C-alpha atoms as a PDB file:
ATOM      1  CA  MET A   1      30.036  12.583 -12.429  1.00  0.00           C
ATOM      2  CA  ASN A   2      26.425  12.908 -11.495  1.00  0.00           C
ATOM      3  CA  MET A   3      24.797   9.768  -9.792  1.00  0.00           C
ATOM      4  CA  ASN A   4      21.155  10.140 -10.845  1.00  0.00           C
ATOM      5  CA  PHE A   5      18.551   7.539 -10.436  1.00  0.00           C
ATOM      6  CA  PHE A   6      14.986   7.197 -11.434  1.00  0.00           C
ATOM      7  CA  ASP A   7      13.107   4.040 -10.148  1.00  0.00           C
ATOM      8  CA  LEU A   8       9.727   3.084 -11.650  1.00  0.00           C
ATOM      9  CA  HIS A   9       8.830   0.478  -9.006  1.00  0.00           C
ATOM     10  CA  CYS A  10       9.501  -0.663  -5.436  1.00  0.00           C
ATOM     11  CA  ASP A  11       7.299  -2.239  -2.768  1.00  0.00           C
ATOM     12  CA  THR A  12       9.116  -0.533   0.205  1.00  0.00           C
ATOM     13  CA  ILE A  13       6.131   1.426   1.564  1.00  0.00           C
ATOM     14  CA  THR A  14       3.989  -1.745   1.860  1.00  0.00           C
ATOM     15  CA  GLU A  15       6.881  -3.522   3.680  1.00  0.00           C
ATOM     16  CA  CYS A  16       7.233  -0.560   6.001  1.00  0.00           C
ATOM     17  CA  TYR A  17       3.435  -0.423   6.682  1.00  0.00           C
ATOM     18  CA  GLN A  18       3.263  -4.182   7.328  1.00  0.00           C
ATOM     19  CA  LYS A  19       6.157  -4.287   9.695  1.00  0.00           C
ATOM     20  CA  ASN A  20       5.927  -0.798  11.158  1.00  0.00           C
ATOM     21  CA  GLN A  21       9.242   0.482   9.954  1.00  0.00           C
ATOM     22  CA  SER A  22      10.184   3.950   8.812  1.00  0.00           C
ATOM     23  CA  ILE A  23      10.568   4.786   5.101  1.00  0.00           C
ATOM     24  CA  LEU A  24      13.438   7.013   6.369  1.00  0.00           C
ATOM     25  CA  GLU A  25      15.664   4.379   7.808  1.00  0.00           C
ATOM     26  CA  ASN A  26      14.896   0.654   7.850  1.00  0.00           C
ATOM     27  CA  GLU A  27      16.241  -2.870   7.345  1.00  0.00           C
ATOM     28  CA  PHE A  28      14.766  -3.071   3.864  1.00  0.00           C
ATOM     29  CA  ALA A  29      16.367  -2.545   0.359  1.00  0.00           C
ATOM     30  CA  ILE A  30      15.203   1.165   0.124  1.00  0.00           C
ATOM     31  CA  ASP A  31      15.261   3.908   2.649  1.00  0.00           C
ATOM     32  CA  VAL A  32      15.377   7.631   2.241  1.00  0.00           C
ATOM     33  CA  ASN A  33      18.591   8.191   4.060  1.00  0.00           C
ATOM     34  CA  ARG A  34      20.576   5.690   2.007  1.00  0.00           C
ATOM     35  CA  GLY A  35      19.106   6.894  -1.186  1.00  0.00           C
ATOM     36  CA  LYS A  36      19.879  10.433  -0.589  1.00  0.00           C
ATOM     37  CA  ALA A  37      23.348   9.646   0.468  1.00  0.00           C
ATOM     38  CA  THR A  38      23.842   7.549  -2.784  1.00  0.00           C
ATOM     39  CA  PHE A  39      22.364   9.777  -5.512  1.00  0.00           C
ATOM     40  CA  ASP A  40      22.765  13.307  -6.566  1.00  0.00           C
ATOM     41  CA  LYS A  41      19.322  13.329  -7.974  1.00  0.00           C
ATOM     42  CA  TRP A  42      16.681  10.492  -7.090  1.00  0.00           C
ATOM     43  CA  VAL A  43      13.149   9.984  -8.089  1.00  0.00           C
ATOM     44  CA  GLN A  44      11.561   6.908  -6.462  1.00  0.00           C
ATOM     45  CA  THR A  45       8.215   5.451  -7.349  1.00  0.00           C
ATOM     46  CA  PHE A  46       6.462   3.769  -4.349  1.00  0.00           C
ATOM     47  CA  ALA A  47       3.840   1.179  -4.972  1.00  0.00           C
ATOM     48  CA  PHE A  48       0.949   0.414  -2.780  1.00  0.00           C
ATOM     49  CA  TRP A  49       0.590  -3.338  -3.190  1.00  0.00           C
ATOM     50  CA  ILE A  50      -2.921  -4.779  -3.247  1.00  0.00           C
ATOM     51  CA  PRO A  51      -3.236  -8.626  -3.187  1.00  0.00           C
ATOM     52  CA  ASP A  52      -5.714 -10.519  -5.334  1.00  0.00           C
ATOM     53  CA  ASN A  53      -7.408 -12.479  -2.684  1.00  0.00           C
ATOM     54  CA  ILE A  54      -9.439  -9.920  -0.705  1.00  0.00           C
ATOM     55  CA  ASP A  55     -12.591  -8.148  -1.588  1.00  0.00           C
ATOM     56  CA  SER A  56     -12.644  -4.720  -3.102  1.00  0.00           C
ATOM     57  CA  ASP A  57     -13.742  -2.839   0.000  1.00  0.00           C
ATOM     58  CA  SER A  58     -11.062  -4.378   2.068  1.00  0.00           C
ATOM     59  CA  ALA A  59      -8.600  -3.880  -0.644  1.00  0.00           C
ATOM     60  CA  TYR A  60      -9.559  -0.109  -0.813  1.00  0.00           C
ATOM     61  CA  ARG A  61      -9.234   0.267   3.018  1.00  0.00           C
ATOM     62  CA  LEU A  62      -5.736  -1.453   2.748  1.00  0.00           C
ATOM     63  CA  PHE A  63      -4.676   1.168   0.206  1.00  0.00           C
ATOM     64  CA  LEU A  64      -5.876   4.004   2.325  1.00  0.00           C
ATOM     65  CA  LYS A  65      -3.949   2.698   5.426  1.00  0.00           C
ATOM     66  CA  GLN A  66      -0.722   2.352   3.429  1.00  0.00           C
ATOM     67  CA  TYR A  67      -1.385   5.784   1.816  1.00  0.00           C
ATOM     68  CA  ASP A  68      -1.869   7.435   5.207  1.00  0.00           C
ATOM     69  CA  TYR A  69       1.211   5.738   6.556  1.00  0.00           C
ATOM     70  CA  PHE A  70       3.301   6.976   3.674  1.00  0.00           C
ATOM     71  CA  LYS A  71       1.976  10.462   4.057  1.00  0.00           C
ATOM     72  CA  SER A  72       2.994  10.496   7.614  1.00  0.00           C
ATOM     73  CA  PHE A  73       6.596  10.927   6.492  1.00  0.00           C
ATOM     74  CA  ASN A  74       5.895  14.052   4.519  1.00  0.00           C
ATOM     75  CA  LEU A  75       8.050  13.254   1.485  1.00  0.00           C
ATOM     76  CA  PRO A  76       8.212  15.635  -1.424  1.00  0.00           C
ATOM     77  CA  SER A  77       6.077  14.612  -4.399  1.00  0.00           C
ATOM     78  CA  TYR A  78       7.102  14.689  -8.046  1.00  0.00           C
ATOM     79  CA  GLU A  79       6.128  17.707  -9.979  1.00  0.00           C
ATOM     80  CA  LYS A  80       7.366  18.704 -13.440  1.00  0.00           C
ATOM     81  CA  ASN A  81      10.545  20.822 -13.383  1.00  0.00           C
ATOM     82  CA  ASN A  82      10.620  20.863  -9.556  1.00  0.00           C
ATOM     83  CA  ASN A  83      14.463  20.471  -9.635  1.00  0.00           C
ATOM     84  CA  LEU A  84      14.358  18.604  -6.272  1.00  0.00           C
ATOM     85  CA  ASP A  85      17.362  16.339  -5.358  1.00  0.00           C
ATOM     86  CA  PHE A  86      14.732  13.779  -4.132  1.00  0.00           C
ATOM     87  CA  CYS A  87      11.058  13.301  -4.869  1.00  0.00           C
ATOM     88  CA  THR A  88       8.473  10.536  -4.888  1.00  0.00           C
ATOM     89  CA  ILE A  89       5.863   9.168  -7.364  1.00  0.00           C
ATOM     90  CA  LEU A  90       2.973   7.099  -6.056  1.00  0.00           C
ATOM     91  CA  MET A  91       1.374   4.168  -7.785  1.00  0.00           C
ATOM     92  CA  VAL A  92      -1.225   1.499  -7.057  1.00  0.00           C
ATOM     93  CA  GLU A  93      -0.171  -2.174  -7.949  1.00  0.00           C
ATOM     94  CA  GLY A  94      -3.262  -4.376  -8.150  1.00  0.00           C
ATOM     95  CA  GLY A  95      -6.610  -3.092  -9.344  1.00  0.00           C
ATOM     96  CA  SER A  96      -8.811  -5.064  -7.139  1.00  0.00           C
ATOM     97  CA  LEU A  97      -9.305  -2.031  -4.796  1.00  0.00           C
ATOM     98  CA  LEU A  98     -11.748  -0.662  -7.454  1.00  0.00           C
ATOM     99  CA  GLY A  99     -13.980  -3.701  -7.616  1.00  0.00           C
ATOM    100  CA  ARG A 100     -16.472  -2.034 -10.309  1.00  0.00           C
ATOM    101  CA  ASN A 101     -16.538   1.320  -8.634  1.00  0.00           C
ATOM    102  CA  ILE A 102     -15.108   3.645 -11.261  1.00  0.00           C
ATOM    103  CA  ASP A 103     -15.530   6.691  -8.900  1.00  0.00           C
ATOM    104  CA  ARG A 104     -12.685   5.453  -6.778  1.00  0.00           C
ATOM    105  CA  VAL A 105     -10.375   6.573  -9.523  1.00  0.00           C
ATOM    106  CA  ASN A 106     -11.406  10.074  -8.503  1.00  0.00           C
ATOM    107  CA  GLU A 107     -10.118   9.384  -4.959  1.00  0.00           C
ATOM    108  CA  LEU A 108      -6.790   8.014  -6.450  1.00  0.00           C
ATOM    109  CA  LYS A 109      -6.351  11.216  -8.483  1.00  0.00           C
ATOM    110  CA  LYS A 110      -6.972  13.335  -5.327  1.00  0.00           C
ATOM    111  CA  ARG A 111      -4.130  11.292  -3.617  1.00  0.00           C
ATOM    112  CA  ASN A 112      -1.856  12.020  -6.541  1.00  0.00           C
ATOM    113  CA  ILE A 113      -1.565   8.521  -7.706  1.00  0.00           C
ATOM    114  CA  LYS A 114       0.229   8.826 -11.090  1.00  0.00           C
ATOM    115  CA  LEU A 115       0.423   5.070 -12.086  1.00  0.00           C
ATOM    116  CA  PHE A 116      -1.985   2.187 -11.967  1.00  0.00           C
ATOM    117  CA  THR A 117      -0.968  -1.453 -12.430  1.00  0.00           C
ATOM    118  CA  LEU A 118      -4.203  -3.077 -13.667  1.00  0.00           C
ATOM    119  CA  THR A 119      -3.799  -6.464 -11.996  1.00  0.00           C
ATOM    120  CA  TRP A 120      -1.389  -8.311  -9.829  1.00  0.00           C
ATOM    121  CA  ASN A 121      -0.980 -11.857 -10.826  1.00  0.00           C
ATOM    122  CA  GLY A 122      -4.477 -13.082 -10.519  1.00  0.00           C
ATOM    123  CA  GLU A 123      -7.763 -11.938 -11.972  1.00  0.00           C
ATOM    124  CA  ASN A 124      -9.992  -9.024 -10.816  1.00  0.00           C
ATOM    125  CA  GLU A 125     -12.747  -6.998 -12.325  1.00  0.00           C
ATOM    126  CA  ILE A 126     -10.478  -5.216 -14.761  1.00  0.00           C
ATOM    127  CA  ALA A 127      -8.472  -8.019 -16.338  1.00  0.00           C
ATOM    128  CA  SER A 128      -6.239 -11.222 -15.812  1.00  0.00           C
ATOM    129  CA  GLY A 129      -2.778 -11.236 -14.566  1.00  0.00           C
ATOM    130  CA  ALA A 130       0.183 -13.435 -15.517  1.00  0.00           C
ATOM    131  CA  GLU A 131      -1.168 -16.413 -13.562  1.00  0.00           C
ATOM    132  CA  ALA A 132      -4.806 -16.104 -14.869  1.00  0.00           C
ATOM    133  CA  VAL A 133      -6.664 -16.518 -18.086  1.00  0.00           C
ATOM    134  CA  GLY A 134      -8.892 -14.175 -19.969  1.00  0.00           C
ATOM    135  CA  GLY A 135      -8.572 -10.701 -21.194  1.00  0.00           C
ATOM    136  CA  LEU A 136      -9.765  -7.181 -20.409  1.00  0.00           C
ATOM    137  CA  LYS A 137     -13.288  -7.175 -18.963  1.00  0.00           C
ATOM    138  CA  SER A 138     -16.034  -4.667 -19.782  1.00  0.00           C
ATOM    139  CA  PHE A 139     -15.240  -2.680 -16.552  1.00  0.00           C
ATOM    140  CA  GLY A 140     -11.678  -2.673 -17.672  1.00  0.00           C
ATOM    141  CA  LYS A 141     -12.465  -1.149 -20.964  1.00  0.00           C
ATOM    142  CA  LYS A 142     -14.360   1.732 -19.261  1.00  0.00           C
ATOM    143  CA  LEU A 143     -11.473   2.022 -16.703  1.00  0.00           C
ATOM    144  CA  ILE A 144      -8.758   2.578 -19.377  1.00  0.00           C
ATOM    145  CA  ALA A 145     -10.677   5.601 -20.677  1.00  0.00           C
ATOM    146  CA  LYS A 146     -11.167   6.830 -17.213  1.00  0.00           C
ATOM    147  CA  LEU A 147      -7.557   6.523 -16.271  1.00  0.00           C
ATOM    148  CA  GLU A 148      -6.561   8.235 -19.500  1.00  0.00           C
ATOM    149  CA  GLU A 149      -8.953  10.965 -18.871  1.00  0.00           C
ATOM    150  CA  ASP A 150      -7.392  11.608 -15.406  1.00  0.00           C
ATOM    151  CA  ASN A 151      -3.903  11.363 -16.595  1.00  0.00           C
ATOM    152  CA  ILE A 152      -3.169   8.226 -14.636  1.00  0.00           C
ATOM    153  CA  VAL A 153      -0.588   6.131 -16.555  1.00  0.00           C
ATOM    154  CA  ILE A 154      -1.580   2.583 -17.273  1.00  0.00           C
ATOM    155  CA  ASP A 155       0.994  -0.085 -16.219  1.00  0.00           C
ATOM    156  CA  VAL A 156       0.706  -3.429 -18.054  1.00  0.00           C
ATOM    157  CA  SER A 157       3.264  -5.183 -15.894  1.00  0.00           C
ATOM    158  CA  HIS A 158       1.677  -8.292 -14.489  1.00  0.00           C
ATOM    159  CA  LEU A 159      -0.903  -8.684 -17.286  1.00  0.00           C
ATOM    160  CA  ASN A 160      -1.211 -11.945 -19.179  1.00  0.00           C
ATOM    161  CA  GLU A 161      -0.746 -11.607 -22.851  1.00  0.00           C
ATOM    162  CA  GLU A 162      -4.493 -11.446 -23.890  1.00  0.00           C
ATOM    163  CA  SER A 163      -5.140  -8.644 -21.402  1.00  0.00           C
ATOM    164  CA  PHE A 164      -2.045  -6.864 -22.619  1.00  0.00           C
ATOM    165  CA  TRP A 165      -3.176  -6.915 -26.228  1.00  0.00           C
ATOM    166  CA  ASP A 166      -6.604  -5.775 -25.199  1.00  0.00           C
ATOM    167  CA  VAL A 167      -5.095  -2.697 -23.584  1.00  0.00           C
ATOM    168  CA  ALA A 168      -2.854  -2.153 -26.512  1.00  0.00           C
ATOM    169  CA  LYS A 169      -5.646  -2.203 -28.825  1.00  0.00           C
ATOM    170  CA  ILE A 170      -7.839   0.486 -27.011  1.00  0.00           C
ATOM    171  CA  ALA A 171      -5.317   2.674 -25.257  1.00  0.00           C
ATOM    172  CA  LYS A 172      -5.097   5.980 -26.621  1.00  0.00           C
ATOM    173  CA  LYS A 173      -2.175   7.391 -24.526  1.00  0.00           C
ATOM    174  CA  PRO A 174       1.247   5.819 -23.912  1.00  0.00           C
ATOM    175  CA  PHE A 175       1.132   2.984 -21.516  1.00  0.00           C
ATOM    176  CA  VAL A 176       4.198   1.458 -19.581  1.00  0.00           C
ATOM    177  CA  ALA A 177       5.513  -1.608 -18.043  1.00  0.00           C
ATOM    178  CA  THR A 178       7.128  -0.437 -14.962  1.00  0.00           C
ATOM    179  CA  HIS A 179       8.877  -3.695 -13.867  1.00  0.00           C
ATOM    180  CA  SER A 180       9.318  -6.331 -16.505  1.00  0.00           C
ATOM    181  CA  ASN A 181      12.148  -7.833 -18.545  1.00  0.00           C
ATOM    182  CA  ALA A 182      12.682  -9.399 -21.858  1.00  0.00           C
ATOM    183  CA  PHE A 183      11.115 -12.922 -22.460  1.00  0.00           C
ATOM    184  CA  SER A 184      13.507 -13.644 -25.185  1.00  0.00           C
ATOM    185  CA  VAL A 185      16.362 -13.648 -22.533  1.00  0.00           C
ATOM    186  CA  CYS A 186      14.496 -15.212 -19.690  1.00  0.00           C
ATOM    187  CA  SER A 187      11.131 -17.115 -20.567  1.00  0.00           C
ATOM    188  CA  HIS A 188       9.187 -16.183 -17.389  1.00  0.00           C
ATOM    189  CA  ARG A 189       5.561 -15.346 -18.119  1.00  0.00           C
ATOM    190  CA  ARG A 190       5.976 -12.028 -16.406  1.00  0.00           C
ATOM    191  CA  ASN A 191       8.538 -10.999 -18.925  1.00  0.00           C
ATOM    192  CA  LEU A 192       7.657  -9.206 -22.306  1.00  0.00           C
ATOM    193  CA  LYS A 193       7.800 -10.777 -25.562  1.00  0.00           C
ATOM    194  CA  ASP A 194       9.324  -8.924 -28.525  1.00  0.00           C
ATOM    195  CA  ASP A 195       6.001  -8.018 -30.053  1.00  0.00           C
ATOM    196  CA  GLN A 196       4.803  -6.654 -26.709  1.00  0.00           C
ATOM    197  CA  ILE A 197       8.000  -4.506 -26.236  1.00  0.00           C
ATOM    198  CA  LYS A 198       7.456  -3.188 -29.833  1.00  0.00           C
ATOM    199  CA  ALA A 199       3.879  -2.343 -28.945  1.00  0.00           C
ATOM    200  CA  ILE A 200       4.952  -0.312 -25.863  1.00  0.00           C
ATOM    201  CA  LYS A 201       7.460   1.494 -28.067  1.00  0.00           C
ATOM    202  CA  HIS A 202       4.834   2.176 -30.691  1.00  0.00           C
ATOM    203  CA  ALA A 203       2.612   3.538 -27.881  1.00  0.00           C
ATOM    204  CA  ARG A 204       5.568   5.836 -26.863  1.00  0.00           C
ATOM    205  CA  GLY A 205       5.700   4.230 -23.427  1.00  0.00           C
ATOM    206  CA  ILE A 206       8.613   3.185 -21.311  1.00  0.00           C
ATOM    207  CA  ILE A 207       9.767  -0.149 -19.742  1.00  0.00           C
ATOM    208  CA  GLY A 208      11.560  -0.602 -16.432  1.00  0.00           C
ATOM    209  CA  LEU A 209      14.203  -3.324 -15.997  1.00  0.00           C
ATOM    210  CA  ASN A 210      13.328  -5.585 -12.996  1.00  0.00           C
ATOM    211  CA  PHE A 211      16.101  -6.946 -10.659  1.00  0.00           C
ATOM    212  CA  TYR A 212      14.133  -9.984  -9.558  1.00  0.00           C
ATOM    213  CA  LYS A 213      16.458 -12.865  -9.970  1.00  0.00           C
ATOM    214  CA  LEU A 214      13.655 -15.216 -11.667  1.00  0.00           C
ATOM    215  CA  PHE A 215      12.964 -12.579 -14.233  1.00  0.00           C
ATOM    216  CA  LEU A 216      16.679 -12.234 -15.066  1.00  0.00           C
ATOM    217  CA  SER A 217      17.621 -15.853 -15.629  1.00  0.00           C
ATOM    218  CA  ASN A 218      16.722 -19.355 -14.817  1.00  0.00           C
ATOM    219  CA  ASP A 219      19.773 -19.752 -12.733  1.00  0.00           C
ATOM    220  CA  CYS A 220      20.766 -16.286 -11.650  1.00  0.00           C
ATOM    221  CA  LYS A 221      24.084 -15.822  -9.812  1.00  0.00           C
ATOM    222  CA  ASP A 222      25.520 -12.426 -10.975  1.00  0.00           C
ATOM    223  CA  GLY A 223      22.544 -10.046 -11.310  1.00  0.00           C
ATOM    224  CA  ILE A 224      24.403  -7.245 -13.043  1.00  0.00           C
ATOM    225  CA  TYR A 225      25.723  -9.476 -15.725  1.00  0.00           C
ATOM    226  CA  GLU A 226      22.334 -11.334 -16.324  1.00  0.00           C
ATOM    227  CA  LEU A 227      20.680  -7.846 -16.447  1.00  0.00           C
ATOM    228  CA  SER A 228      23.120  -6.682 -19.151  1.00  0.00           C
ATOM    229  CA  LYS A 229      21.861  -9.520 -21.320  1.00  0.00           C
ATOM    230  CA  HIS A 230      18.285  -7.938 -21.110  1.00  0.00           C
ATOM    231  CA  ILE A 231      19.774  -4.528 -21.839  1.00  0.00           C
ATOM    232  CA  ASP A 232      21.542  -5.824 -24.833  1.00  0.00           C
ATOM    233  CA  HIS A 233      18.272  -7.307 -26.183  1.00  0.00           C
ATOM    234  CA  PHE A 234      16.213  -4.282 -25.448  1.00  0.00           C
ATOM    235  CA  LEU A 235      18.895  -2.076 -27.343  1.00  0.00           C
ATOM    236  CA  LYS A 236      18.793  -4.456 -30.322  1.00  0.00           C
ATOM    237  CA  LEU A 237      15.161  -3.761 -30.477  1.00  0.00           C
ATOM    238  CA  GLY A 238      15.630  -0.031 -30.692  1.00  0.00           C
ATOM    239  CA  CYS A 239      14.707   0.687 -27.154  1.00  0.00           C
ATOM    240  CA  GLU A 240      17.442   3.088 -26.209  1.00  0.00           C
ATOM    241  CA  ASP A 241      14.960   5.979 -25.602  1.00  0.00           C
ATOM    242  CA  MET A 242      12.334   4.060 -23.775  1.00  0.00           C
ATOM    243  CA  LEU A 243      14.488   1.801 -21.325  1.00  0.00           C
ATOM    244  CA  ALA A 244      14.432   2.553 -17.633  1.00  0.00           C
ATOM    245  CA  ILE A 245      14.755   0.892 -14.376  1.00  0.00           C
ATOM    246  CA  GLY A 246      11.856  -0.654 -12.255  1.00  0.00           C
ATOM    247  CA  SER A 247      13.944  -2.329  -9.600  1.00  0.00           C
ATOM    248  CA  ASP A 248      11.126  -4.235  -7.675  1.00  0.00           C
ATOM    249  CA  PHE A 249      13.260  -3.718  -4.516  1.00  0.00           C
ATOM    250  CA  ASP A 250      11.438  -4.999  -1.329  1.00  0.00           C
ATOM    251  CA  GLY A 251       8.937  -6.898  -3.576  1.00  0.00           C
ATOM    252  CA  ALA A 252      11.098  -9.773  -4.769  1.00  0.00           C
ATOM    253  CA  CYS A 253      14.140 -11.930  -4.078  1.00  0.00           C
ATOM    254  CA  MET A 254      17.149 -10.185  -5.442  1.00  0.00           C
ATOM    255  CA  PRO A 255      20.608 -11.516  -6.628  1.00  0.00           C
ATOM    256  CA  ASN A 256      23.415 -11.059  -4.059  1.00  0.00           C
ATOM    257  CA  ASP A 257      24.645  -8.050  -5.907  1.00  0.00           C
ATOM    258  CA  PHE A 258      21.358  -6.231  -5.900  1.00  0.00           C
ATOM    259  CA  LYS A 259      20.816  -6.337  -2.204  1.00  0.00           C
ATOM    260  CA  ASP A 260      19.866  -2.790  -1.624  1.00  0.00           C
ATOM    261  CA  ILE A 261      19.705   0.573  -3.369  1.00  0.00           C
ATOM    262  CA  THR A 262      23.402   1.208  -2.955  1.00  0.00           C
ATOM    263  CA  ALA A 263      24.080  -1.436  -5.486  1.00  0.00           C
ATOM    264  CA  LEU A 264      23.171   1.070  -8.084  1.00  0.00           C
ATOM    265  CA  VAL A 265      26.596   2.548  -7.824  1.00  0.00           C
ATOM    266  CA  LYS A 266      28.275  -0.677  -9.073  1.00  0.00           C
ATOM    267  CA  LEU A 267      25.558  -1.055 -11.690  1.00  0.00           C
ATOM    268  CA  ARG A 268      26.209   2.413 -13.057  1.00  0.00           C
ATOM    269  CA  HIS A 269      29.992   1.814 -13.120  1.00  0.00           C
ATOM    270  CA  TYR A 270      29.399  -1.574 -15.127  1.00  0.00           C
ATOM    271  CA  MET A 271      27.036   0.257 -17.577  1.00  0.00           C
ATOM    272  CA  LEU A 272      29.416   3.103 -18.144  1.00  0.00           C
ATOM    273  CA  GLN A 273      32.193   0.615 -19.143  1.00  0.00           C
ATOM    274  CA  TYR A 274      29.957  -1.335 -21.572  1.00  0.00           C
ATOM    275  CA  TYR A 275      27.430   1.212 -22.795  1.00  0.00           C
ATOM    276  CA  GLY A 276      28.943   4.548 -22.354  1.00  0.00           C
ATOM    277  CA  GLU A 277      27.585   7.701 -20.598  1.00  0.00           C
ATOM    278  CA  ASN A 278      24.815   8.593 -22.875  1.00  0.00           C
ATOM    279  CA  ILE A 279      22.970   5.165 -22.812  1.00  0.00           C
ATOM    280  CA  THR A 280      23.724   4.742 -19.088  1.00  0.00           C
ATOM    281  CA  ASN A 281      22.305   8.175 -18.227  1.00  0.00           C
ATOM    282  CA  LYS A 282      19.242   7.457 -20.484  1.00  0.00           C
ATOM    283  CA  ILE A 283      18.437   4.085 -18.692  1.00  0.00           C
ATOM    284  CA  MET A 284      19.156   5.078 -15.248  1.00  0.00           C
ATOM    285  CA  PHE A 285      17.359   8.507 -15.207  1.00  0.00           C
ATOM    286  CA  ASP A 286      16.787  10.552 -18.378  1.00  0.00           C
ATOM    287  CA  ASN A 287      14.274   8.343 -20.176  1.00  0.00           C
ATOM    288  CA  ALA A 288      11.897   8.147 -17.290  1.00  0.00           C
ATOM    289  CA  ALA A 289      12.281  11.722 -16.481  1.00  0.00           C
ATOM    290  CA  LYS A 290      11.511  12.852 -20.023  1.00  0.00           C
ATOM    291  CA  PHE A 291       8.443  10.465 -20.131  1.00  0.00           C
ATOM    292  CA  PHE A 292       6.941  12.009 -16.914  1.00  0.00           C
ATOM    293  CA  GLU A 293       7.752  15.404 -18.000  1.00  0.00           C
ATOM    294  CA  LYS A 294       5.711  15.013 -21.136  1.00  0.00           C
ATOM    295  CA  THR A 295       2.915  13.077 -19.504  1.00  0.00           C
ATOM    296  CA  PHE A 296       2.316  15.423 -16.469  1.00  0.00           C
ATOM    297  CA  ASN A 297       2.476  18.756 -18.272  1.00  0.00           C
END
């Protein structure tokens, strides 16, 4: 039985950079050695996290420092049909590094950034996050077109509802929510309401299930059980072919049964029992793999 895993989001490289630890072996939830020992095939998306409260030039320098730190480990990059047992996808989480300088998107593309989370929780020159008010700004509208032109996938996780719907209205390519759950199951403002889920489905995007305990339930004790409630709800909405994993490892407080990447073995066993092999494989690997094969052709 193959143990394949495709993760749409973790904050491990930011943690490694901040605490001067190796991505190969560390004290965090994810490192390369544990992942390669756990999975037969593994695609890991690493986010460069950018906070809201620094100016754009400082934010851009922070991105470059994180990027250079990551590149020092010489890890293989995702390419279509590369058939590697392990490879990486890079994303930016927090658009404040752009300011209003759209030319910086060219620099992101040169560095093989594949996904771009428009905001973190606050407001920037692009849009407003979950803890802010207001919608997509004029620069944000230009940015959507530029990201799509450069084939960088737009990630709507962290957007507030107004900004989300502004993106949904003008996006011409599929957009994604890399690490968000179902609001109907857990009414946290970072989770997606049913009409938002349907909009991502209509746009032919994907959604990554988040393991953060506050996004799972108001009183989360058993993470796998609480996650299954979200899976059930997404499946009821017809999301079998667009549901994936966006763990948020090393970026959030996890339930006790989601302490690190090795917990995916137990999760897979649970999912096989309750959802069967076909749906389990789709959520844990196949849906995300198919999406990126189509996107980066």
